[in-house]
Amino acid sequence: MRSLIFSISVILALAAAGCSSYDDRQWLKVDQKYTTDEFRRDHTACMKNGKLDDNCMRSRGWVAVNPTTKAEGQPRDPNASPLGAPVKGGRY
């Protein structure tokens, strides 16, 4: 009975750890060569309270390849032009 309770608690703990959020952003240095050890060192140094500090990574020369987007303000209109509103008095 004890082993069953222990097994269930281990399974629940693993399931909870598997459902936790994971930061899957990729980082690179533009126009610079770098090693995996360099990235790991900077990544570890920029971790604060289990979260990666973006400003710290940027200050060390890293650029996020796939940055996270935060939905702030109003949602974007899918029918709007990505270039913005047309300029009045245009050519045509």
PDB file of N, CA and C in Angstrom:
ATOM      1  N   MET A   1       0.820  -1.187   0.000  1.00  0.00           N
ATOM      2  CA  MET A   1       0.000   0.000   0.000  1.00  0.00           C
ATOM      3  C   MET A   1       0.871   1.261   0.000  1.00  0.00           C
ATOM      4  N   ARG A   2       1.942   1.230   0.797  1.00  0.00           N
ATOM      5  CA  ARG A   2       2.826   2.393   0.851  1.00  0.00           C
ATOM      6  C   ARG A   2       3.482   2.644  -0.506  1.00  0.00           C
ATOM      7  N   SER A   3       3.869   1.565  -1.173  1.00  0.00           N
ATOM      8  CA  SER A   3       4.523   1.725  -2.469  1.00  0.00           C
ATOM      9  C   SER A   3       3.546   2.283  -3.506  1.00  0.00           C
ATOM     10  N   LEU A   4       2.262   1.930  -3.391  1.00  0.00           N
ATOM     11  CA  LEU A   4       1.255   2.456  -4.305  1.00  0.00           C
ATOM     12  C   LEU A   4       1.073   3.961  -4.098  1.00  0.00           C
ATOM     13  N   ILE A   5       1.002   4.384  -2.859  1.00  0.00           N
ATOM     14  CA  ILE A   5       0.863   5.811  -2.551  1.00  0.00           C
ATOM     15  C   ILE A   5       2.108   6.573  -3.012  1.00  0.00           C
ATOM     16  N   PHE A   6       3.262   5.997  -2.774  1.00  0.00           N
ATOM     17  CA  PHE A   6       4.509   6.626  -3.216  1.00  0.00           C
ATOM     18  C   PHE A   6       4.552   6.733  -4.740  1.00  0.00           C
ATOM     19  N   SER A   7       4.160   5.669  -5.423  1.00  0.00           N
ATOM     20  CA  SER A   7       4.161   5.667  -6.885  1.00  0.00           C
ATOM     21  C   SER A   7       3.215   6.716  -7.453  1.00  0.00           C
ATOM     22  N   ILE A   8       2.037   6.820  -6.873  1.00  0.00           N
ATOM     23  CA  ILE A   8       1.063   7.807  -7.335  1.00  0.00           C
ATOM     24  C   ILE A   8       1.586   9.229  -7.105  1.00  0.00           C
ATOM     25  N   SER A   9       2.207   9.465  -5.957  1.00  0.00           N
ATOM     26  CA  SER A   9       2.726  10.809  -5.683  1.00  0.00           C
ATOM     27  C   SER A   9       3.872  11.158  -6.631  1.00  0.00           C
ATOM     28  N   VAL A  10       4.713  10.196  -6.980  1.00  0.00           N
ATOM     29  CA  VAL A  10       5.806  10.430  -7.930  1.00  0.00           C
ATOM     30  C   VAL A  10       5.229  10.734  -9.312  1.00  0.00           C
ATOM     31  N   ILE A  11       4.231  10.000  -9.727  1.00  0.00           N
ATOM     32  CA  ILE A  11       3.603  10.228 -11.035  1.00  0.00           C
ATOM     33  C   ILE A  11       2.964  11.610 -11.085  1.00  0.00           C
ATOM     34  N   LEU A  12       2.290  12.013 -10.026  1.00  0.00           N
ATOM     35  CA  LEU A  12       1.675  13.340  -9.983  1.00  0.00           C
ATOM     36  C   LEU A  12       2.734  14.446 -10.019  1.00  0.00           C
ATOM     37  N   ALA A  13       3.826  14.234  -9.321  1.00  0.00           N
ATOM     38  CA  ALA A  13       4.897  15.238  -9.327  1.00  0.00           C
ATOM     39  C   ALA A  13       5.513  15.365 -10.720  1.00  0.00           C
ATOM     40  N   LEU A  14       5.731  14.257 -11.388  1.00  0.00           N
ATOM     41  CA  LEU A  14       6.281  14.299 -12.741  1.00  0.00           C
ATOM     42  C   LEU A  14       5.309  14.934 -13.725  1.00  0.00           C
ATOM     43  N   ALA A  15       4.025  14.662 -13.559  1.00  0.00           N
ATOM     44  CA  ALA A  15       3.020  15.267 -14.436  1.00  0.00           C
ATOM     45  C   ALA A  15       2.971  16.779 -14.234  1.00  0.00           C
ATOM     46  N   ALA A  16       3.068  17.226 -12.996  1.00  0.00           N
ATOM     47  CA  ALA A  16       3.057  18.663 -12.717  1.00  0.00           C
ATOM     48  C   ALA A  16       4.298  19.335 -13.289  1.00  0.00           C
ATOM     49  N   ALA A  17       5.435  18.669 -13.205  1.00  0.00           N
ATOM     50  CA  ALA A  17       6.669  19.239 -13.757  1.00  0.00           C
ATOM     51  C   ALA A  17       6.603  19.278 -15.278  1.00  0.00           C
ATOM     52  N   GLY A  18       5.973  18.313 -15.878  1.00  0.00           N
ATOM     53  CA  GLY A  18       5.850  18.281 -17.330  1.00  0.00           C
ATOM     54  C   GLY A  18       4.918  19.343 -17.871  1.00  0.00           C
ATOM     55  N   CYS A  19       3.971  19.780 -17.077  1.00  0.00           N
ATOM     56  CA  CYS A  19       3.010  20.791 -17.522  1.00  0.00           C
ATOM     57  C   CYS A  19       3.475  22.215 -17.232  1.00  0.00           C
ATOM     58  N   SER A  20       4.621  22.365 -16.622  1.00  0.00           N
ATOM     59  CA  SER A  20       5.092  23.708 -16.311  1.00  0.00           C
ATOM     60  C   SER A  20       5.487  24.430 -17.588  1.00  0.00           C
ATOM     61  N   SER A  21       5.504  25.757 -17.533  1.00  0.00           N
ATOM     62  CA  SER A  21       5.833  26.540 -18.723  1.00  0.00           C
ATOM     63  C   SER A  21       7.327  26.444 -19.012  1.00  0.00           C
ATOM     64  N   TYR A  22       7.651  26.469 -20.283  1.00  0.00           N
ATOM     65  CA  TYR A  22       9.030  26.332 -20.714  1.00  0.00           C
ATOM     66  C   TYR A  22       9.333  27.443 -21.696  1.00  0.00           C
ATOM     67  N   ASP A  23      10.438  28.125 -21.484  1.00  0.00           N
ATOM     68  CA  ASP A  23      10.857  29.209 -22.367  1.00  0.00           C
ATOM     69  C   ASP A  23      11.652  28.604 -23.515  1.00  0.00           C
ATOM     70  N   ASP A  24      11.049  28.533 -24.682  1.00  0.00           N
ATOM     71  CA  ASP A  24      11.713  27.885 -25.807  1.00  0.00           C
ATOM     72  C   ASP A  24      12.279  28.877 -26.819  1.00  0.00           C
ATOM     73  N   ARG A  25      12.529  30.092 -26.369  1.00  0.00           N
ATOM     74  CA  ARG A  25      13.122  31.076 -27.279  1.00  0.00           C
ATOM     75  C   ARG A  25      14.550  30.687 -27.614  1.00  0.00           C
ATOM     76  N   GLN A  26      14.957  31.083 -28.802  1.00  0.00           N
ATOM     77  CA  GLN A  26      16.321  30.842 -29.238  1.00  0.00           C
ATOM     78  C   GLN A  26      17.036  32.181 -29.315  1.00  0.00           C
ATOM     79  N   TRP A  27      18.314  32.185 -28.963  1.00  0.00           N
ATOM     80  CA  TRP A  27      19.105  33.407 -28.917  1.00  0.00           C
ATOM     81  C   TRP A  27      20.330  33.259 -29.806  1.00  0.00           C
ATOM     82  N   LEU A  28      20.768  34.381 -30.381  1.00  0.00           N
ATOM     83  CA  LEU A  28      21.999  34.381 -31.155  1.00  0.00           C
ATOM     84  C   LEU A  28      22.666  35.741 -31.038  1.00  0.00           C
ATOM     85  N   LYS A  29      23.939  35.772 -31.409  1.00  0.00           N
ATOM     86  CA  LYS A  29      24.682  37.023 -31.472  1.00  0.00           C
ATOM     87  C   LYS A  29      24.881  37.359 -32.945  1.00  0.00           C
ATOM     88  N   VAL A  30      24.430  38.537 -33.339  1.00  0.00           N
ATOM     89  CA  VAL A  30      24.512  38.956 -34.723  1.00  0.00           C
ATOM     90  C   VAL A  30      25.942  39.399 -35.029  1.00  0.00           C
ATOM     91  N   ASP A  31      26.486  38.927 -36.125  1.00  0.00           N
ATOM     92  CA  ASP A  31      27.823  39.295 -36.601  1.00  0.00           C
ATOM     93  C   ASP A  31      28.927  38.977 -35.601  1.00  0.00           C
ATOM     94  N   GLN A  32      28.711  37.984 -34.764  1.00  0.00           N
ATOM     95  CA  GLN A  32      29.737  37.582 -33.807  1.00  0.00           C
ATOM     96  C   GLN A  32      29.760  36.059 -33.729  1.00  0.00           C
ATOM     97  N   LYS A  33      30.930  35.519 -33.556  1.00  0.00           N
ATOM     98  CA  LYS A  33      31.043  34.074 -33.320  1.00  0.00           C
ATOM     99  C   LYS A  33      30.939  33.834 -31.820  1.00  0.00           C
ATOM    100  N   TYR A  34      30.296  32.739 -31.464  1.00  0.00           N
ATOM    101  CA  TYR A  34      30.143  32.398 -30.048  1.00  0.00           C
ATOM    102  C   TYR A  34      30.100  30.891 -29.912  1.00  0.00           C
ATOM    103  N   THR A  35      30.368  30.441 -28.712  1.00  0.00           N
ATOM    104  CA  THR A  35      30.360  29.011 -28.429  1.00  0.00           C
ATOM    105  C   THR A  35      29.156  28.662 -27.562  1.00  0.00           C
ATOM    106  N   THR A  36      28.868  27.390 -27.491  1.00  0.00           N
ATOM    107  CA  THR A  36      27.783  26.920 -26.642  1.00  0.00           C
ATOM    108  C   THR A  36      28.064  27.228 -25.183  1.00  0.00           C
ATOM    109  N   ASP A  37      29.323  27.111 -24.795  1.00  0.00           N
ATOM    110  CA  ASP A  37      29.695  27.420 -23.406  1.00  0.00           C
ATOM    111  C   ASP A  37      29.447  28.883 -23.083  1.00  0.00           C
ATOM    112  N   GLU A  38      29.722  29.773 -24.049  1.00  0.00           N
ATOM    113  CA  GLU A  38      29.456  31.197 -23.844  1.00  0.00           C
ATOM    114  C   GLU A  38      27.969  31.436 -23.612  1.00  0.00           C
ATOM    115  N   PHE A  39      27.140  30.806 -24.456  1.00  0.00           N
ATOM    116  CA  PHE A  39      25.701  30.973 -24.308  1.00  0.00           C
ATOM    117  C   PHE A  39      25.230  30.449 -22.957  1.00  0.00           C
ATOM    118  N   ARG A  40      25.679  29.268 -22.592  1.00  0.00           N
ATOM    119  CA  ARG A  40      25.261  28.686 -21.310  1.00  0.00           C
ATOM    120  C   ARG A  40      25.672  29.561 -20.141  1.00  0.00           C
ATOM    121  N   ARG A  41      26.888  30.123 -20.193  1.00  0.00           N
ATOM    122  CA  ARG A  41      27.353  30.998 -19.123  1.00  0.00           C
ATOM    123  C   ARG A  41      26.462  32.230 -19.012  1.00  0.00           C
ATOM    124  N   ASP A  42      26.175  32.886 -20.146  1.00  0.00           N
ATOM    125  CA  ASP A  42      25.338  34.087 -20.120  1.00  0.00           C
ATOM    126  C   ASP A  42      23.904  33.751 -19.729  1.00  0.00           C
ATOM    127  N   HIS A  43      23.395  32.628 -20.211  1.00  0.00           N
ATOM    128  CA  HIS A  43      22.028  32.211 -19.885  1.00  0.00           C
ATOM    129  C   HIS A  43      21.899  31.974 -18.381  1.00  0.00           C
ATOM    130  N   THR A  44      22.868  31.294 -17.805  1.00  0.00           N
ATOM    131  CA  THR A  44      22.834  31.024 -16.364  1.00  0.00           C
ATOM    132  C   THR A  44      22.957  32.316 -15.564  1.00  0.00           C
ATOM    133  N   ALA A  45      23.812  33.218 -16.019  1.00  0.00           N
ATOM    134  CA  ALA A  45      24.005  34.482 -15.312  1.00  0.00           C
ATOM    135  C   ALA A  45      22.764  35.370 -15.373  1.00  0.00           C
ATOM    136  N   CYS A  46      21.956  35.225 -16.412  1.00  0.00           N
ATOM    137  CA  CYS A  46      20.781  36.085 -16.580  1.00  0.00           C
ATOM    138  C   CYS A  46      19.495  35.476 -16.015  1.00  0.00           C
ATOM    139  N   MET A  47      19.593  34.309 -15.401  1.00  0.00           N
ATOM    140  CA  MET A  47      18.409  33.703 -14.786  1.00  0.00           C
ATOM    141  C   MET A  47      18.158  34.355 -13.433  1.00  0.00           C
ATOM    142  N   LYS A  48      16.926  34.832 -13.243  1.00  0.00           N
ATOM    143  CA  LYS A  48      16.533  35.438 -11.974  1.00  0.00           C
ATOM    144  C   LYS A  48      15.192  34.856 -11.559  1.00  0.00           C
ATOM    145  N   ASN A  49      15.159  34.223 -10.413  1.00  0.00           N
ATOM    146  CA  ASN A  49      13.944  33.610  -9.865  1.00  0.00           C
ATOM    147  C   ASN A  49      13.323  32.619 -10.849  1.00  0.00           C
ATOM    148  N   GLY A  50      14.153  31.871 -11.545  1.00  0.00           N
ATOM    149  CA  GLY A  50      13.655  30.863 -12.464  1.00  0.00           C
ATOM    150  C   GLY A  50      13.204  31.397 -13.813  1.00  0.00           C
ATOM    151  N   LYS A  51      13.357  32.695 -14.045  1.00  0.00           N
ATOM    152  CA  LYS A  51      12.966  33.283 -15.323  1.00  0.00           C
ATOM    153  C   LYS A  51      14.163  33.977 -15.942  1.00  0.00           C
ATOM    154  N   LEU A  52      14.194  33.996 -17.257  1.00  0.00           N
ATOM    155  CA  LEU A  52      15.289  34.616 -17.981  1.00  0.00           C
ATOM    156  C   LEU A  52      15.043  36.109 -18.108  1.00  0.00           C
ATOM    157  N   ASP A  53      16.037  36.908 -17.744  1.00  0.00           N
ATOM    158  CA  ASP A  53      15.955  38.361 -17.832  1.00  0.00           C
ATOM    159  C   ASP A  53      16.385  38.787 -19.239  1.00  0.00           C
ATOM    160  N   ASP A  54      15.408  39.229 -20.047  1.00  0.00           N
ATOM    161  CA  ASP A  54      15.681  39.607 -21.438  1.00  0.00           C
ATOM    162  C   ASP A  54      16.674  40.752 -21.539  1.00  0.00           C
ATOM    163  N   ASN A  55      16.542  41.739 -20.670  1.00  0.00           N
ATOM    164  CA  ASN A  55      17.453  42.895 -20.724  1.00  0.00           C
ATOM    165  C   ASN A  55      18.892  42.482 -20.448  1.00  0.00           C
ATOM    166  N   CYS A  56      19.074  41.528 -19.573  1.00  0.00           N
ATOM    167  CA  CYS A  56      20.410  41.031 -19.263  1.00  0.00           C
ATOM    168  C   CYS A  56      21.009  40.351 -20.487  1.00  0.00           C
ATOM    169  N   MET A  57      20.210  39.527 -21.161  1.00  0.00           N
ATOM    170  CA  MET A  57      20.702  38.845 -22.362  1.00  0.00           C
ATOM    171  C   MET A  57      21.041  39.857 -23.459  1.00  0.00           C
ATOM    172  N   ARG A  58      20.198  40.856 -23.637  1.00  0.00           N
ATOM    173  CA  ARG A  58      20.461  41.879 -24.655  1.00  0.00           C
ATOM    174  C   ARG A  58      21.707  42.677 -24.331  1.00  0.00           C
ATOM    175  N   SER A  59      21.925  42.946 -23.041  1.00  0.00           N
ATOM    176  CA  SER A  59      23.106  43.724 -22.661  1.00  0.00           C
ATOM    177  C   SER A  59      24.397  42.947 -22.923  1.00  0.00           C
ATOM    178  N   ARG A  60      24.287  41.622 -23.017  1.00  0.00           N
ATOM    179  CA  ARG A  60      25.455  40.788 -23.310  1.00  0.00           C
ATOM    180  C   ARG A  60      25.591  40.500 -24.811  1.00  0.00           C
ATOM    181  N   GLY A  61      24.731  41.150 -25.629  1.00  0.00           N
ATOM    182  CA  GLY A  61      24.848  41.034 -27.075  1.00  0.00           C
ATOM    183  C   GLY A  61      23.958  40.000 -27.721  1.00  0.00           C
ATOM    184  N   TRP A  62      23.072  39.358 -26.963  1.00  0.00           N
ATOM    185  CA  TRP A  62      22.216  38.319 -27.508  1.00  0.00           C
ATOM    186  C   TRP A  62      20.921  38.920 -28.058  1.00  0.00           C
ATOM    187  N   VAL A  63      20.403  38.327 -29.130  1.00  0.00           N
ATOM    188  CA  VAL A  63      19.156  38.760 -29.752  1.00  0.00           C
ATOM    189  C   VAL A  63      18.236  37.548 -29.811  1.00  0.00           C
ATOM    190  N   ALA A  64      16.981  37.735 -29.407  1.00  0.00           N
ATOM    191  CA  ALA A  64      16.014  36.642 -29.450  1.00  0.00           C
ATOM    192  C   ALA A  64      15.576  36.411 -30.888  1.00  0.00           C
ATOM    193  N   VAL A  65      15.716  35.173 -31.359  1.00  0.00           N
ATOM    194  CA  VAL A  65      15.332  34.833 -32.724  1.00  0.00           C
ATOM    195  C   VAL A  65      13.818  34.768 -32.843  1.00  0.00           C
ATOM    196  N   ASN A  66      13.176  34.200 -31.869  1.00  0.00           N
ATOM    197  CA  ASN A  66      11.724  34.086 -31.861  1.00  0.00           C
ATOM    198  C   ASN A  66      11.182  34.692 -30.563  1.00  0.00           C
ATOM    199  N   PRO A  67      11.122  36.025 -30.498  1.00  0.00           N
ATOM    200  CA  PRO A  67      10.699  36.668 -29.249  1.00  0.00           C
ATOM    201  C   PRO A  67       9.249  36.363 -28.908  1.00  0.00           C
ATOM    202  N   THR A  68       8.959  36.370 -27.645  1.00  0.00           N
ATOM    203  CA  THR A  68       7.583  36.156 -27.206  1.00  0.00           C
ATOM    204  C   THR A  68       6.816  37.443 -27.430  1.00  0.00           C
ATOM    205  N   THR A  69       5.543  37.321 -27.735  1.00  0.00           N
ATOM    206  CA  THR A  69       4.705  38.500 -27.928  1.00  0.00           C
ATOM    207  C   THR A  69       3.704  38.551 -26.797  1.00  0.00           C
ATOM    208  N   LYS A  70       3.532  39.707 -26.255  1.00  0.00           N
ATOM    209  CA  LYS A  70       2.568  39.905 -25.190  1.00  0.00           C
ATOM    210  C   LYS A  70       1.382  40.665 -25.771  1.00  0.00           C
ATOM    211  N   ALA A  71       0.212  40.141 -25.543  1.00  0.00           N
ATOM    212  CA  ALA A  71      -0.994  40.790 -26.057  1.00  0.00           C
ATOM    213  C   ALA A  71      -1.328  41.963 -25.155  1.00  0.00           C
ATOM    214  N   GLU A  72      -0.892  43.124 -25.543  1.00  0.00           N
ATOM    215  CA  GLU A  72      -1.168  44.335 -24.780  1.00  0.00           C
ATOM    216  C   GLU A  72      -2.022  45.257 -25.636  1.00  0.00           C
ATOM    217  N   GLY A  73      -2.928  45.944 -25.016  1.00  0.00           N
ATOM    218  CA  GLY A  73      -3.768  46.866 -25.753  1.00  0.00           C
ATOM    219  C   GLY A  73      -4.837  46.123 -26.530  1.00  0.00           C
ATOM    220  N   GLN A  74      -5.266  46.738 -27.619  1.00  0.00           N
ATOM    221  CA  GLN A  74      -6.319  46.151 -28.428  1.00  0.00           C
ATOM    222  C   GLN A  74      -5.749  45.109 -29.377  1.00  0.00           C
ATOM    223  N   PRO A  75      -6.547  44.107 -29.679  1.00  0.00           N
ATOM    224  CA  PRO A  75      -6.070  43.116 -30.646  1.00  0.00           C
ATOM    225  C   PRO A  75      -5.935  43.733 -32.029  1.00  0.00           C
ATOM    226  N   ARG A  76      -4.980  43.248 -32.796  1.00  0.00           N
ATOM    227  CA  ARG A  76      -4.715  43.774 -34.119  1.00  0.00           C
ATOM    228  C   ARG A  76      -5.811  43.346 -35.090  1.00  0.00           C
ATOM    229  N   ASP A  77      -6.233  44.255 -35.959  1.00  0.00           N
ATOM    230  CA  ASP A  77      -7.253  43.968 -36.965  1.00  0.00           C
ATOM    231  C   ASP A  77      -6.631  43.113 -38.063  1.00  0.00           C
ATOM    232  N   PRO A  78      -7.138  41.904 -38.313  1.00  0.00           N
ATOM    233  CA  PRO A  78      -6.527  41.053 -39.334  1.00  0.00           C
ATOM    234  C   PRO A  78      -6.688  41.594 -40.747  1.00  0.00           C
ATOM    235  N   ASN A  79      -7.649  42.515 -40.959  1.00  0.00           N
ATOM    236  CA  ASN A  79      -7.870  43.088 -42.286  1.00  0.00           C
ATOM    237  C   ASN A  79      -7.090  44.370 -42.518  1.00  0.00           C
ATOM    238  N   ALA A  80      -6.404  44.861 -41.480  1.00  0.00           N
ATOM    239  CA  ALA A  80      -5.653  46.106 -41.612  1.00  0.00           C
ATOM    240  C   ALA A  80      -4.368  45.864 -42.395  1.00  0.00           C
ATOM    241  N   SER A  81      -3.933  46.880 -43.084  1.00  0.00           N
ATOM    242  CA  SER A  81      -2.690  46.793 -43.849  1.00  0.00           C
ATOM    243  C   SER A  81      -1.513  46.774 -42.889  1.00  0.00           C
ATOM    244  N   PRO A  82      -0.519  45.925 -43.109  1.00  0.00           N
ATOM    245  CA  PRO A  82       0.644  45.917 -42.217  1.00  0.00           C
ATOM    246  C   PRO A  82       1.476  47.181 -42.345  1.00  0.00           C
ATOM    247  N   LEU A  83       1.252  47.962 -43.404  1.00  0.00           N
ATOM    248  CA  LEU A  83       2.004  49.202 -43.611  1.00  0.00           C
ATOM    249  C   LEU A  83       1.333  50.397 -42.948  1.00  0.00           C
ATOM    250  N   GLY A  84       0.144  50.219 -42.437  1.00  0.00           N
ATOM    251  CA  GLY A  84      -0.562  51.323 -41.800  1.00  0.00           C
ATOM    252  C   GLY A  84      -1.587  51.938 -42.729  1.00  0.00           C
ATOM    253  N   ALA A  85      -2.104  53.076 -42.310  1.00  0.00           N
ATOM    254  CA  ALA A  85      -3.127  53.761 -43.100  1.00  0.00           C
ATOM    255  C   ALA A  85      -2.505  54.385 -44.352  1.00  0.00           C
ATOM    256  N   PRO A  86      -3.263  54.395 -45.454  1.00  0.00           N
ATOM    257  CA  PRO A  86      -2.726  55.012 -46.666  1.00  0.00           C
ATOM    258  C   PRO A  86      -2.557  56.512 -46.508  1.00  0.00           C
ATOM    259  N   VAL A  87      -1.586  57.074 -47.182  1.00  0.00           N
ATOM    260  CA  VAL A  87      -1.323  58.519 -47.121  1.00  0.00           C
ATOM    261  C   VAL A  87      -2.267  59.222 -48.082  1.00  0.00           C
ATOM    262  N   LYS A  88      -2.901  60.294 -47.611  1.00  0.00           N
ATOM    263  CA  LYS A  88      -3.815  61.056 -48.475  1.00  0.00           C
ATOM    264  C   LYS A  88      -2.996  61.864 -49.472  1.00  0.00           C
ATOM    265  N   GLY A  89      -3.572  62.054 -50.638  1.00  0.00           N
ATOM    266  CA  GLY A  89      -2.881  62.820 -51.667  1.00  0.00           C
ATOM    267  C   GLY A  89      -1.809  61.996 -52.348  1.00  0.00           C
ATOM    268  N   GLY A  90      -2.041  60.696 -52.395  1.00  0.00           N
ATOM    269  CA  GLY A  90      -1.068  59.806 -53.008  1.00  0.00           C
ATOM    270  C   GLY A  90      -1.028  59.949 -54.522  1.00  0.00           C
ATOM    271  N   ARG A  91      -0.312  59.120 -55.136  1.00  0.00           N
ATOM    272  CA  ARG A  91      -0.062  59.182 -56.567  1.00  0.00           C
ATOM    273  C   ARG A  91      -1.318  58.879 -57.383  1.00  0.00           C
ATOM    274  N   TYR A  92      -2.150  57.958 -56.954  1.00  0.00           N
ATOM    275  CA  TYR A  92      -3.308  57.562 -57.742  1.00  0.00           C
ATOM    276  C   TYR A  92      -4.588  58.032 -57.120  1.00  0.00           C
TER     277      TYR A  92
END
